[in-house]
Amino acid sequence: MKHNLVLYVSICLMQLTILTNITLLNGEWNGITMFLCTSIFVFASAVFGLSRQAKNHKRIKSIQGSNDP
């Protein structure tokens, strides 16, 4: 559940950044906006990837442990 919240917040931050650039700054800082959105996306992807890896690692350990005599 915690990782879903991180993904949702990252999407909200990206949208807020884009809307701020378009409405308040008249699209003058497109490069900085795209850099911020890309950075947020990479961070959220890393969090999501690490959470899936941890879940798979726990599942594999539990499967291996159940086969022990």
PDB file of N, CA and C in Angstrom:
ATOM      1  N   MET A   1       0.819  -1.194   0.000  1.00  0.00           N
ATOM      2  CA  MET A   1       0.000   0.000   0.000  1.00  0.00           C
ATOM      3  C   MET A   1       0.864   1.261   0.000  1.00  0.00           C
ATOM      4  N   LYS A   2       1.986   1.208   0.721  1.00  0.00           N
ATOM      5  CA  LYS A   2       2.861   2.364   0.812  1.00  0.00           C
ATOM      6  C   LYS A   2       3.435   2.736  -0.560  1.00  0.00           C
ATOM      7  N   HIS A   3       3.739   1.726  -1.365  1.00  0.00           N
ATOM      8  CA  HIS A   3       4.330   1.982  -2.674  1.00  0.00           C
ATOM      9  C   HIS A   3       3.303   2.566  -3.641  1.00  0.00           C
ATOM     10  N   ASN A   4       2.058   2.168  -3.496  1.00  0.00           N
ATOM     11  CA  ASN A   4       1.013   2.761  -4.320  1.00  0.00           C
ATOM     12  C   ASN A   4       0.858   4.245  -4.012  1.00  0.00           C
ATOM     13  N   LEU A   5       0.993   4.606  -2.757  1.00  0.00           N
ATOM     14  CA  LEU A   5       0.915   6.006  -2.363  1.00  0.00           C
ATOM     15  C   LEU A   5       2.071   6.806  -2.967  1.00  0.00           C
ATOM     16  N   VAL A   6       3.258   6.236  -2.990  1.00  0.00           N
ATOM     17  CA  VAL A   6       4.414   6.911  -3.594  1.00  0.00           C
ATOM     18  C   VAL A   6       4.169   7.135  -5.082  1.00  0.00           C
ATOM     19  N   LEU A   7       3.623   6.144  -5.769  1.00  0.00           N
ATOM     20  CA  LEU A   7       3.334   6.287  -7.190  1.00  0.00           C
ATOM     21  C   LEU A   7       2.275   7.354  -7.435  1.00  0.00           C
ATOM     22  N   TYR A   8       1.235   7.357  -6.624  1.00  0.00           N
ATOM     23  CA  TYR A   8       0.171   8.351  -6.775  1.00  0.00           C
ATOM     24  C   TYR A   8       0.689   9.765  -6.523  1.00  0.00           C
ATOM     25  N   VAL A   9       1.467   9.943  -5.472  1.00  0.00           N
ATOM     26  CA  VAL A   9       2.015  11.262  -5.156  1.00  0.00           C
ATOM     27  C   VAL A   9       2.959  11.734  -6.255  1.00  0.00           C
ATOM     28  N   SER A  10       3.730  10.820  -6.830  1.00  0.00           N
ATOM     29  CA  SER A  10       4.645  11.215  -7.902  1.00  0.00           C
ATOM     30  C   SER A  10       3.884  11.682  -9.136  1.00  0.00           C
ATOM     31  N   ILE A  11       2.775  11.027  -9.454  1.00  0.00           N
ATOM     32  CA  ILE A  11       1.963  11.466 -10.590  1.00  0.00           C
ATOM     33  C   ILE A  11       1.361  12.838 -10.303  1.00  0.00           C
ATOM     34  N   CYS A  12       0.895  13.056  -9.080  1.00  0.00           N
ATOM     35  CA  CYS A  12       0.345  14.361  -8.711  1.00  0.00           C
ATOM     36  C   CYS A  12       1.402  15.462  -8.802  1.00  0.00           C
ATOM     37  N   LEU A  13       2.621  15.172  -8.361  1.00  0.00           N
ATOM     38  CA  LEU A  13       3.699  16.159  -8.452  1.00  0.00           C
ATOM     39  C   LEU A  13       4.044  16.492  -9.900  1.00  0.00           C
ATOM     40  N   MET A  14       4.061  15.478 -10.754  1.00  0.00           N
ATOM     41  CA  MET A  14       4.349  15.739 -12.167  1.00  0.00           C
ATOM     42  C   MET A  14       3.267  16.620 -12.789  1.00  0.00           C
ATOM     43  N   GLN A  15       2.010  16.336 -12.494  1.00  0.00           N
ATOM     44  CA  GLN A  15       0.917  17.144 -13.040  1.00  0.00           C
ATOM     45  C   GLN A  15       0.958  18.571 -12.497  1.00  0.00           C
ATOM     46  N   LEU A  16       1.243  18.708 -11.219  1.00  0.00           N
ATOM     47  CA  LEU A  16       1.340  20.035 -10.614  1.00  0.00           C
ATOM     48  C   LEU A  16       2.481  20.838 -11.240  1.00  0.00           C
ATOM     49  N   THR A  17       3.591  20.187 -11.493  1.00  0.00           N
ATOM     50  CA  THR A  17       4.731  20.859 -12.121  1.00  0.00           C
ATOM     51  C   THR A  17       4.372  21.350 -13.518  1.00  0.00           C
ATOM     52  N   ILE A  18       3.729  20.496 -14.290  1.00  0.00           N
ATOM     53  CA  ILE A  18       3.361  20.871 -15.660  1.00  0.00           C
ATOM     54  C   ILE A  18       2.327  21.992 -15.659  1.00  0.00           C
ATOM     55  N   LEU A  19       1.312  21.866 -14.809  1.00  0.00           N
ATOM     56  CA  LEU A  19       0.288  22.914 -14.752  1.00  0.00           C
ATOM     57  C   LEU A  19       0.850  24.240 -14.281  1.00  0.00           C
ATOM     58  N   THR A  20       1.776  24.213 -13.336  1.00  0.00           N
ATOM     59  CA  THR A  20       2.403  25.450 -12.863  1.00  0.00           C
ATOM     60  C   THR A  20       3.201  26.103 -13.980  1.00  0.00           C
ATOM     61  N   ASN A  21       3.915  25.294 -14.738  1.00  0.00           N
ATOM     62  CA  ASN A  21       4.703  25.836 -15.842  1.00  0.00           C
ATOM     63  C   ASN A  21       3.802  26.470 -16.901  1.00  0.00           C
ATOM     64  N   ILE A  22       2.703  25.818 -17.214  1.00  0.00           N
ATOM     65  CA  ILE A  22       1.838  26.332 -18.268  1.00  0.00           C
ATOM     66  C   ILE A  22       1.060  27.569 -17.805  1.00  0.00           C
ATOM     67  N   THR A  23       0.493  27.535 -16.601  1.00  0.00           N
ATOM     68  CA  THR A  23      -0.383  28.631 -16.174  1.00  0.00           C
ATOM     69  C   THR A  23       0.372  29.830 -15.605  1.00  0.00           C
ATOM     70  N   LEU A  24       1.312  29.587 -14.718  1.00  0.00           N
ATOM     71  CA  LEU A  24       1.997  30.708 -14.065  1.00  0.00           C
ATOM     72  C   LEU A  24       3.212  31.210 -14.837  1.00  0.00           C
ATOM     73  N   LEU A  25       3.916  30.304 -15.479  1.00  0.00           N
ATOM     74  CA  LEU A  25       5.172  30.691 -16.141  1.00  0.00           C
ATOM     75  C   LEU A  25       5.046  30.787 -17.655  1.00  0.00           C
ATOM     76  N   ASN A  26       3.838  30.580 -18.177  1.00  0.00           N
ATOM     77  CA  ASN A  26       3.548  30.675 -19.612  1.00  0.00           C
ATOM     78  C   ASN A  26       4.437  29.774 -20.457  1.00  0.00           C
ATOM     79  N   GLY A  27       4.825  28.652 -19.932  1.00  0.00           N
ATOM     80  CA  GLY A  27       5.604  27.679 -20.685  1.00  0.00           C
ATOM     81  C   GLY A  27       7.044  28.086 -20.953  1.00  0.00           C
ATOM     82  N   GLU A  28       7.568  29.006 -20.173  1.00  0.00           N
ATOM     83  CA  GLU A  28       8.925  29.496 -20.404  1.00  0.00           C
ATOM     84  C   GLU A  28      10.000  28.555 -19.872  1.00  0.00           C
ATOM     85  N   TRP A  29       9.668  27.722 -18.921  1.00  0.00           N
ATOM     86  CA  TRP A  29      10.662  26.846 -18.307  1.00  0.00           C
ATOM     87  C   TRP A  29      10.417  25.390 -18.671  1.00  0.00           C
ATOM     88  N   ASN A  30      10.234  25.118 -19.934  1.00  0.00           N
ATOM     89  CA  ASN A  30       9.916  23.755 -20.378  1.00  0.00           C
ATOM     90  C   ASN A  30      11.040  22.768 -20.075  1.00  0.00           C
ATOM     91  N   GLY A  31      12.277  23.185 -20.238  1.00  0.00           N
ATOM     92  CA  GLY A  31      13.406  22.289 -19.984  1.00  0.00           C
ATOM     93  C   GLY A  31      13.489  21.874 -18.524  1.00  0.00           C
ATOM     94  N   ILE A  32      13.329  22.834 -17.643  1.00  0.00           N
ATOM     95  CA  ILE A  32      13.384  22.532 -16.211  1.00  0.00           C
ATOM     96  C   ILE A  32      12.200  21.670 -15.808  1.00  0.00           C
ATOM     97  N   THR A  33      11.036  21.963 -16.372  1.00  0.00           N
ATOM     98  CA  THR A  33       9.845  21.171 -16.075  1.00  0.00           C
ATOM     99  C   THR A  33      10.021  19.730 -16.517  1.00  0.00           C
ATOM    100  N   MET A  34      10.539  19.531 -17.711  1.00  0.00           N
ATOM    101  CA  MET A  34      10.743  18.165 -18.203  1.00  0.00           C
ATOM    102  C   MET A  34      11.798  17.436 -17.379  1.00  0.00           C
ATOM    103  N   PHE A  35      12.832  18.146 -16.946  1.00  0.00           N
ATOM    104  CA  PHE A  35      13.850  17.528 -16.101  1.00  0.00           C
ATOM    105  C   PHE A  35      13.254  17.097 -14.763  1.00  0.00           C
ATOM    106  N   LEU A  36      12.440  17.945 -14.156  1.00  0.00           N
ATOM    107  CA  LEU A  36      11.803  17.594 -12.881  1.00  0.00           C
ATOM    108  C   LEU A  36      10.862  16.401 -13.041  1.00  0.00           C
ATOM    109  N   CYS A  37      10.068  16.403 -14.101  1.00  0.00           N
ATOM    110  CA  CYS A  37       9.138  15.293 -14.325  1.00  0.00           C
ATOM    111  C   CYS A  37       9.895  13.991 -14.580  1.00  0.00           C
ATOM    112  N   THR A  38      10.969  14.062 -15.329  1.00  0.00           N
ATOM    113  CA  THR A  38      11.767  12.869 -15.586  1.00  0.00           C
ATOM    114  C   THR A  38      12.409  12.360 -14.303  1.00  0.00           C
ATOM    115  N   SER A  39      12.900  13.261 -13.477  1.00  0.00           N
ATOM    116  CA  SER A  39      13.504  12.862 -12.195  1.00  0.00           C
ATOM    117  C   SER A  39      12.479  12.200 -11.284  1.00  0.00           C
ATOM    118  N   ILE A  40      11.284  12.759 -11.219  1.00  0.00           N
ATOM    119  CA  ILE A  40      10.226  12.174 -10.396  1.00  0.00           C
ATOM    120  C   ILE A  40       9.839  10.800 -10.930  1.00  0.00           C
ATOM    121  N   PHE A  41       9.754  10.678 -12.250  1.00  0.00           N
ATOM    122  CA  PHE A  41       9.406   9.397 -12.860  1.00  0.00           C
ATOM    123  C   PHE A  41      10.460   8.330 -12.561  1.00  0.00           C
ATOM    124  N   VAL A  42      11.728   8.677 -12.675  1.00  0.00           N
ATOM    125  CA  VAL A  42      12.802   7.718 -12.405  1.00  0.00           C
ATOM    126  C   VAL A  42      12.775   7.292 -10.937  1.00  0.00           C
ATOM    127  N   PHE A  43      12.552   8.234 -10.038  1.00  0.00           N
ATOM    128  CA  PHE A  43      12.466   7.908  -8.612  1.00  0.00           C
ATOM    129  C   PHE A  43      11.305   6.962  -8.333  1.00  0.00           C
ATOM    130  N   ALA A  44      10.128   7.263  -8.894  1.00  0.00           N
ATOM    131  CA  ALA A  44       8.951   6.417  -8.674  1.00  0.00           C
ATOM    132  C   ALA A  44       9.152   5.034  -9.286  1.00  0.00           C
ATOM    133  N   SER A  45       9.796   4.963 -10.441  1.00  0.00           N
ATOM    134  CA  SER A  45      10.062   3.671 -11.067  1.00  0.00           C
ATOM    135  C   SER A  45      11.025   2.838 -10.227  1.00  0.00           C
ATOM    136  N   ALA A  46      12.017   3.491  -9.640  1.00  0.00           N
ATOM    137  CA  ALA A  46      12.964   2.775  -8.787  1.00  0.00           C
ATOM    138  C   ALA A  46      12.274   2.239  -7.540  1.00  0.00           C
ATOM    139  N   VAL A  47      11.420   3.048  -6.920  1.00  0.00           N
ATOM    140  CA  VAL A  47      10.687   2.597  -5.735  1.00  0.00           C
ATOM    141  C   VAL A  47       9.798   1.415  -6.089  1.00  0.00           C
ATOM    142  N   PHE A  48       9.093   1.507  -7.204  1.00  0.00           N
ATOM    143  CA  PHE A  48       8.205   0.427  -7.621  1.00  0.00           C
ATOM    144  C   PHE A  48       8.995  -0.836  -7.935  1.00  0.00           C
ATOM    145  N   GLY A  49      10.106  -0.699  -8.643  1.00  0.00           N
ATOM    146  CA  GLY A  49      10.926  -1.856  -8.987  1.00  0.00           C
ATOM    147  C   GLY A  49      11.514  -2.532  -7.766  1.00  0.00           C
ATOM    148  N   LEU A  50      11.996  -1.749  -6.815  1.00  0.00           N
ATOM    149  CA  LEU A  50      12.560  -2.325  -5.600  1.00  0.00           C
ATOM    150  C   LEU A  50      11.494  -2.996  -4.746  1.00  0.00           C
ATOM    151  N   SER A  51      10.278  -2.460  -4.738  1.00  0.00           N
ATOM    152  CA  SER A  51       9.213  -3.082  -3.950  1.00  0.00           C
ATOM    153  C   SER A  51       8.808  -4.419  -4.559  1.00  0.00           C
ATOM    154  N   ARG A  52       8.761  -4.493  -5.882  1.00  0.00           N
ATOM    155  CA  ARG A  52       8.421  -5.763  -6.537  1.00  0.00           C
ATOM    156  C   ARG A  52       9.525  -6.788  -6.313  1.00  0.00           C
ATOM    157  N   GLN A  53      10.773  -6.345  -6.341  1.00  0.00           N
ATOM    158  CA  GLN A  53      11.889  -7.253  -6.124  1.00  0.00           C
ATOM    159  C   GLN A  53      11.858  -7.804  -4.698  1.00  0.00           C
ATOM    160  N   ALA A  54      11.540  -6.971  -3.734  1.00  0.00           N
ATOM    161  CA  ALA A  54      11.478  -7.418  -2.336  1.00  0.00           C
ATOM    162  C   ALA A  54      10.337  -8.408  -2.131  1.00  0.00           C
ATOM    163  N   LYS A  55       9.201  -8.162  -2.758  1.00  0.00           N
ATOM    164  CA  LYS A  55       8.073  -9.086  -2.638  1.00  0.00           C
ATOM    165  C   LYS A  55       8.411 -10.433  -3.259  1.00  0.00           C
ATOM    166  N   ASN A  56       9.044 -10.421  -4.427  1.00  0.00           N
ATOM    167  CA  ASN A  56       9.422 -11.675  -5.082  1.00  0.00           C
ATOM    168  C   ASN A  56      10.463 -12.423  -4.265  1.00  0.00           C
ATOM    169  N   HIS A  57      11.394 -11.702  -3.644  1.00  0.00           N
ATOM    170  CA  HIS A  57      12.430 -12.332  -2.834  1.00  0.00           C
ATOM    171  C   HIS A  57      11.810 -13.010  -1.610  1.00  0.00           C
ATOM    172  N   LYS A  58      10.858 -12.341  -0.962  1.00  0.00           N
ATOM    173  CA  LYS A  58      10.179 -12.939   0.189  1.00  0.00           C
ATOM    174  C   LYS A  58       9.385 -14.168  -0.225  1.00  0.00           C
ATOM    175  N   ARG A  59       8.731 -14.097  -1.397  1.00  0.00           N
ATOM    176  CA  ARG A  59       7.928 -15.221  -1.862  1.00  0.00           C
ATOM    177  C   ARG A  59       8.808 -16.421  -2.171  1.00  0.00           C
ATOM    178  N   ILE A  60       9.954 -16.193  -2.793  1.00  0.00           N
ATOM    179  CA  ILE A  60      10.872 -17.291  -3.120  1.00  0.00           C
ATOM    180  C   ILE A  60      11.412 -17.920  -1.838  1.00  0.00           C
ATOM    181  N   LYS A  61      11.750 -17.101  -0.839  1.00  0.00           N
ATOM    182  CA  LYS A  61      12.242 -17.630   0.436  1.00  0.00           C
ATOM    183  C   LYS A  61      11.179 -18.481   1.123  1.00  0.00           C
ATOM    184  N   SER A  62       9.928 -18.049   1.090  1.00  0.00           N
ATOM    185  CA  SER A  62       8.875 -18.821   1.745  1.00  0.00           C
ATOM    186  C   SER A  62       8.620 -20.126   1.007  1.00  0.00           C
ATOM    187  N   ILE A  63       8.732 -20.120  -0.310  1.00  0.00           N
ATOM    188  CA  ILE A  63       8.555 -21.360  -1.073  1.00  0.00           C
ATOM    189  C   ILE A  63       9.693 -22.330  -0.780  1.00  0.00           C
ATOM    190  N   GLN A  64      10.925 -21.822  -0.743  1.00  0.00           N
ATOM    191  CA  GLN A  64      12.066 -22.674  -0.471  1.00  0.00           C
ATOM    192  C   GLN A  64      12.016 -23.226   0.954  1.00  0.00           C
ATOM    193  N   GLY A  65      11.559 -22.430   1.883  1.00  0.00           N
ATOM    194  CA  GLY A  65      11.470 -22.863   3.283  1.00  0.00           C
ATOM    195  C   GLY A  65      10.407 -23.914   3.507  1.00  0.00           C
ATOM    196  N   SER A  66       9.346 -23.906   2.707  1.00  0.00           N
ATOM    197  CA  SER A  66       8.277 -24.878   2.906  1.00  0.00           C
ATOM    198  C   SER A  66       8.652 -26.270   2.398  1.00  0.00           C
ATOM    199  N   ASN A  67       9.664 -26.372   1.563  1.00  0.00           N
ATOM    200  CA  ASN A  67      10.087 -27.674   1.029  1.00  0.00           C
ATOM    201  C   ASN A  67      11.123 -28.351   1.900  1.00  0.00           C
ATOM    202  N   ASP A  68      11.601 -27.669   2.945  1.00  0.00           N
ATOM    203  CA  ASP A  68      12.594 -28.282   3.836  1.00  0.00           C
ATOM    204  C   ASP A  68      11.948 -29.373   4.674  1.00  0.00           C
ATOM    205  N   PRO A  69      12.663 -30.500   4.870  1.00  0.00           N
ATOM    206  CA  PRO A  69      12.086 -31.588   5.677  1.00  0.00           C
ATOM    207  C   PRO A  69      12.075 -31.299   7.152  1.00  0.00           C
TER     208      PRO A  69
END
